[in-house]
Amino acid sequence: MTSGVVSAETKKSATPSVTFAELVDFPLKAGVGEAEGKLVGAFPARLAALNGQTVEITGYMLPVAMEHGTSREFLLMRNQNSCCYGAAPQPNEYLVVRTSERGVPVVMDQPVAFRGTFKISPVIAQGLILQVFTLEDAAPSRL
């Protein structure tokens, strides 16, 4: 018989992880005509099931805005290829991450892990996919 008490370590390990391999494992295509503003095709079942759930993901931080060495909104990217001289990442190769009002320390050039609410929230303008995923109320799980 269990006591019903869940330790912090058990709770932490119960958080599902999402990988960038999963995020990029389906073709992205914007609809045209009446379907404009929507993605064509379905997301993989596992990603769809995690929509709105707390997940953990590891990637590279690219701050959108910084204040006193911290950032409240940044991109968490699959790799560092787009930094400085590389090609722009595809919309499913990054998440827009939003944290608490205090923000988190900016860590560049090394992988960092964040936990937050995963949302499939495509942003499409004039037939171009600008963004697909967000991580809301995020906090570092490993910096």
C-alpha atoms as a PDB file:
ATOM      1  CA  MET A   1       0.000   0.000   0.000  1.00  0.00           C
ATOM      2  CA  THR A   2       1.390   3.405  -0.942  1.00  0.00           C
ATOM      3  CA  SER A   3       1.129   6.536   1.152  1.00  0.00           C
ATOM      4  CA  GLY A   4      -0.025   8.678  -1.769  1.00  0.00           C
ATOM      5  CA  VAL A   5       2.917  11.047  -1.253  1.00  0.00           C
ATOM      6  CA  VAL A   6       4.968  11.774  -4.354  1.00  0.00           C
ATOM      7  CA  SER A   7       8.519  12.958  -3.772  1.00  0.00           C
ATOM      8  CA  ALA A   8       9.941  15.906  -5.704  1.00  0.00           C
ATOM      9  CA  GLU A   9      12.392  13.544  -7.421  1.00  0.00           C
ATOM     10  CA  THR A  10       9.596  11.205  -8.543  1.00  0.00           C
ATOM     11  CA  LYS A  11       7.550  14.149  -9.803  1.00  0.00           C
ATOM     12  CA  LYS A  12      10.576  15.504 -11.712  1.00  0.00           C
ATOM     13  CA  SER A  13      11.256  12.184 -13.441  1.00  0.00           C
ATOM     14  CA  ALA A  14       7.564  11.844 -14.343  1.00  0.00           C
ATOM     15  CA  THR A  15       7.740  14.956 -16.571  1.00  0.00           C
ATOM     16  CA  PRO A  16       7.824  13.771 -20.181  1.00  0.00           C
ATOM     17  CA  SER A  17      10.669  14.956 -22.358  1.00  0.00           C
ATOM     18  CA  VAL A  18      10.241  16.261 -25.882  1.00  0.00           C
ATOM     19  CA  THR A  19      13.144  16.240 -28.310  1.00  0.00           C
ATOM     20  CA  PHE A  20      13.822  18.394 -31.320  1.00  0.00           C
ATOM     21  CA  ALA A  21      13.971  15.184 -33.363  1.00  0.00           C
ATOM     22  CA  GLU A  22      10.259  14.778 -32.552  1.00  0.00           C
ATOM     23  CA  LEU A  23       9.450  18.411 -33.351  1.00  0.00           C
ATOM     24  CA  VAL A  24      11.002  18.239 -36.820  1.00  0.00           C
ATOM     25  CA  ASP A  25       9.784  14.744 -37.683  1.00  0.00           C
ATOM     26  CA  PHE A  26       6.865  15.870 -39.848  1.00  0.00           C
ATOM     27  CA  PRO A  27       6.640  18.146 -42.870  1.00  0.00           C
ATOM     28  CA  LEU A  28       5.377  21.676 -42.337  1.00  0.00           C
ATOM     29  CA  LYS A  29       3.088  23.119 -44.973  1.00  0.00           C
ATOM     30  CA  ALA A  30       0.745  26.067 -44.741  1.00  0.00           C
ATOM     31  CA  GLY A  31      -2.681  25.771 -46.277  1.00  0.00           C
ATOM     32  CA  VAL A  32      -3.864  27.981 -49.119  1.00  0.00           C
ATOM     33  CA  GLY A  33      -7.245  29.496 -49.915  1.00  0.00           C
ATOM     34  CA  GLU A  34      -9.839  28.806 -47.241  1.00  0.00           C
ATOM     35  CA  ALA A  35      -7.284  26.840 -45.182  1.00  0.00           C
ATOM     36  CA  GLU A  36      -4.766  29.699 -45.095  1.00  0.00           C
ATOM     37  CA  GLY A  37      -3.684  30.298 -41.547  1.00  0.00           C
ATOM     38  CA  LYS A  38      -3.709  26.598 -40.735  1.00  0.00           C
ATOM     39  CA  LEU A  39      -1.135  23.847 -41.040  1.00  0.00           C
ATOM     40  CA  VAL A  40      -1.881  21.077 -43.488  1.00  0.00           C
ATOM     41  CA  GLY A  41      -1.765  17.591 -42.007  1.00  0.00           C
ATOM     42  CA  ALA A  42      -1.806  16.364 -38.444  1.00  0.00           C
ATOM     43  CA  PHE A  43       0.866  16.575 -35.814  1.00  0.00           C
ATOM     44  CA  PRO A  44       2.277  13.257 -34.627  1.00  0.00           C
ATOM     45  CA  ALA A  45       0.029  11.682 -31.998  1.00  0.00           C
ATOM     46  CA  ARG A  46       2.581  11.985 -29.193  1.00  0.00           C
ATOM     47  CA  LEU A  47       3.045  15.733 -29.755  1.00  0.00           C
ATOM     48  CA  ALA A  48      -0.692  16.289 -30.023  1.00  0.00           C
ATOM     49  CA  ALA A  49      -1.179  14.413 -26.738  1.00  0.00           C
ATOM     50  CA  LEU A  50       1.419  16.633 -25.014  1.00  0.00           C
ATOM     51  CA  ASN A  51      -0.250  19.869 -26.140  1.00  0.00           C
ATOM     52  CA  GLY A  52      -1.053  21.805 -22.947  1.00  0.00           C
ATOM     53  CA  GLN A  53       1.012  19.455 -20.764  1.00  0.00           C
ATOM     54  CA  THR A  54       4.179  20.140 -18.761  1.00  0.00           C
ATOM     55  CA  VAL A  55       7.239  18.862 -20.613  1.00  0.00           C
ATOM     56  CA  GLU A  56      11.003  19.202 -20.506  1.00  0.00           C
ATOM     57  CA  ILE A  57      13.131  20.034 -23.538  1.00  0.00           C
ATOM     58  CA  THR A  58      16.831  20.721 -24.057  1.00  0.00           C
ATOM     59  CA  GLY A  59      18.196  23.137 -26.632  1.00  0.00           C
ATOM     60  CA  TYR A  60      20.209  26.285 -27.228  1.00  0.00           C
ATOM     61  CA  MET A  61      19.033  29.635 -25.907  1.00  0.00           C
ATOM     62  CA  LEU A  62      18.751  32.675 -28.170  1.00  0.00           C
ATOM     63  CA  PRO A  63      17.408  35.677 -26.218  1.00  0.00           C
ATOM     64  CA  VAL A  64      14.793  37.872 -27.875  1.00  0.00           C
ATOM     65  CA  ALA A  65      15.315  40.581 -25.249  1.00  0.00           C
ATOM     66  CA  MET A  66      17.665  40.820 -22.267  1.00  0.00           C
ATOM     67  CA  GLU A  67      17.602  42.909 -19.122  1.00  0.00           C
ATOM     68  CA  HIS A  68      20.368  42.764 -16.513  1.00  0.00           C
ATOM     69  CA  GLY A  69      21.648  39.423 -17.844  1.00  0.00           C
ATOM     70  CA  THR A  70      18.249  37.742 -17.778  1.00  0.00           C
ATOM     71  CA  SER A  71      15.598  37.066 -20.381  1.00  0.00           C
ATOM     72  CA  ARG A  72      11.849  36.521 -20.035  1.00  0.00           C
ATOM     73  CA  GLU A  73      11.314  35.544 -23.677  1.00  0.00           C
ATOM     74  CA  PHE A  74      13.727  33.682 -25.900  1.00  0.00           C
ATOM     75  CA  LEU A  75      13.996  31.032 -28.554  1.00  0.00           C
ATOM     76  CA  LEU A  76      15.082  27.559 -27.559  1.00  0.00           C
ATOM     77  CA  MET A  77      16.657  26.154 -30.704  1.00  0.00           C
ATOM     78  CA  ARG A  78      17.556  22.732 -32.012  1.00  0.00           C
ATOM     79  CA  ASN A  79      21.165  23.704 -32.644  1.00  0.00           C
ATOM     80  CA  GLN A  80      23.489  26.673 -32.965  1.00  0.00           C
ATOM     81  CA  ASN A  81      23.583  26.703 -36.772  1.00  0.00           C
ATOM     82  CA  SER A  82      21.554  29.890 -37.102  1.00  0.00           C
ATOM     83  CA  CYS A  83      23.666  31.864 -34.668  1.00  0.00           C
ATOM     84  CA  CYS A  84      25.677  34.611 -36.335  1.00  0.00           C
ATOM     85  CA  TYR A  85      26.341  33.235 -39.830  1.00  0.00           C
ATOM     86  CA  GLY A  86      24.064  30.268 -40.350  1.00  0.00           C
ATOM     87  CA  ALA A  87      20.755  29.812 -42.076  1.00  0.00           C
ATOM     88  CA  ALA A  88      17.515  30.752 -40.339  1.00  0.00           C
ATOM     89  CA  PRO A  89      15.954  27.803 -38.502  1.00  0.00           C
ATOM     90  CA  GLN A  90      12.788  26.198 -39.785  1.00  0.00           C
ATOM     91  CA  PRO A  91       9.696  26.998 -37.671  1.00  0.00           C
ATOM     92  CA  ASN A  92       9.682  23.531 -36.096  1.00  0.00           C
ATOM     93  CA  GLU A  93      13.369  23.795 -35.109  1.00  0.00           C
ATOM     94  CA  TYR A  94      12.691  26.179 -32.215  1.00  0.00           C
ATOM     95  CA  LEU A  95      10.191  27.013 -29.489  1.00  0.00           C
ATOM     96  CA  VAL A  96       9.276  30.469 -28.249  1.00  0.00           C
ATOM     97  CA  VAL A  97       9.864  30.280 -24.499  1.00  0.00           C
ATOM     98  CA  ARG A  98       8.233  32.600 -21.973  1.00  0.00           C
ATOM     99  CA  THR A  99       9.267  32.598 -18.319  1.00  0.00           C
ATOM    100  CA  SER A 100       8.211  34.325 -15.123  1.00  0.00           C
ATOM    101  CA  GLU A 101       8.407  38.081 -14.677  1.00  0.00           C
ATOM    102  CA  ARG A 102      11.913  37.797 -13.218  1.00  0.00           C
ATOM    103  CA  GLY A 103      13.298  35.941 -16.220  1.00  0.00           C
ATOM    104  CA  VAL A 104      16.159  33.458 -16.262  1.00  0.00           C
ATOM    105  CA  PRO A 105      19.916  33.871 -16.636  1.00  0.00           C
ATOM    106  CA  VAL A 106      21.052  33.945 -20.261  1.00  0.00           C
ATOM    107  CA  VAL A 107      23.228  30.944 -21.094  1.00  0.00           C
ATOM    108  CA  MET A 108      24.744  30.970 -24.558  1.00  0.00           C
ATOM    109  CA  ASP A 109      26.631  28.296 -26.517  1.00  0.00           C
ATOM    110  CA  GLN A 110      25.711  25.329 -24.358  1.00  0.00           C
ATOM    111  CA  PRO A 111      22.617  23.144 -24.123  1.00  0.00           C
ATOM    112  CA  VAL A 112      20.088  24.090 -21.459  1.00  0.00           C
ATOM    113  CA  ALA A 113      16.942  22.302 -20.333  1.00  0.00           C
ATOM    114  CA  PHE A 114      13.631  23.966 -19.541  1.00  0.00           C
ATOM    115  CA  ARG A 115      10.351  22.689 -18.156  1.00  0.00           C
ATOM    116  CA  GLY A 116       7.052  24.377 -18.971  1.00  0.00           C
ATOM    117  CA  THR A 117       3.666  24.081 -20.628  1.00  0.00           C
ATOM    118  CA  PHE A 118       4.104  22.848 -24.204  1.00  0.00           C
ATOM    119  CA  LYS A 119       1.721  24.369 -26.701  1.00  0.00           C
ATOM    120  CA  ILE A 120       1.206  23.743 -30.377  1.00  0.00           C
ATOM    121  CA  SER A 121       0.318  27.281 -31.373  1.00  0.00           C
ATOM    122  CA  PRO A 122       1.118  27.959 -35.031  1.00  0.00           C
ATOM    123  CA  VAL A 123       1.488  31.537 -36.199  1.00  0.00           C
ATOM    124  CA  ILE A 124       0.947  31.885 -39.945  1.00  0.00           C
ATOM    125  CA  ALA A 125       0.962  35.154 -41.866  1.00  0.00           C
ATOM    126  CA  GLN A 126       0.354  35.475 -45.604  1.00  0.00           C
ATOM    127  CA  GLY A 127       0.863  31.756 -46.076  1.00  0.00           C
ATOM    128  CA  LEU A 128       4.216  31.690 -44.234  1.00  0.00           C
ATOM    129  CA  ILE A 129       4.664  29.641 -41.082  1.00  0.00           C
ATOM    130  CA  LEU A 130       6.403  31.899 -38.572  1.00  0.00           C
ATOM    131  CA  GLN A 131       6.175  29.834 -35.411  1.00  0.00           C
ATOM    132  CA  VAL A 132       4.773  26.472 -34.366  1.00  0.00           C
ATOM    133  CA  PHE A 133       5.589  25.721 -30.720  1.00  0.00           C
ATOM    134  CA  THR A 134       5.710  27.616 -27.421  1.00  0.00           C
ATOM    135  CA  LEU A 135       6.783  26.737 -23.914  1.00  0.00           C
ATOM    136  CA  GLU A 136       4.841  28.853 -21.411  1.00  0.00           C
ATOM    137  CA  ASP A 137       5.575  29.447 -17.716  1.00  0.00           C
ATOM    138  CA  ALA A 138       8.986  27.920 -18.307  1.00  0.00           C
ATOM    139  CA  ALA A 139      11.652  27.424 -15.665  1.00  0.00           C
ATOM    140  CA  PRO A 140      15.136  26.045 -16.036  1.00  0.00           C
ATOM    141  CA  SER A 141      15.490  22.413 -15.096  1.00  0.00           C
ATOM    142  CA  ARG A 142      19.185  22.417 -15.941  1.00  0.00           C
ATOM    143  CA  LEU A 143      21.337  25.449 -16.785  1.00  0.00           C
END
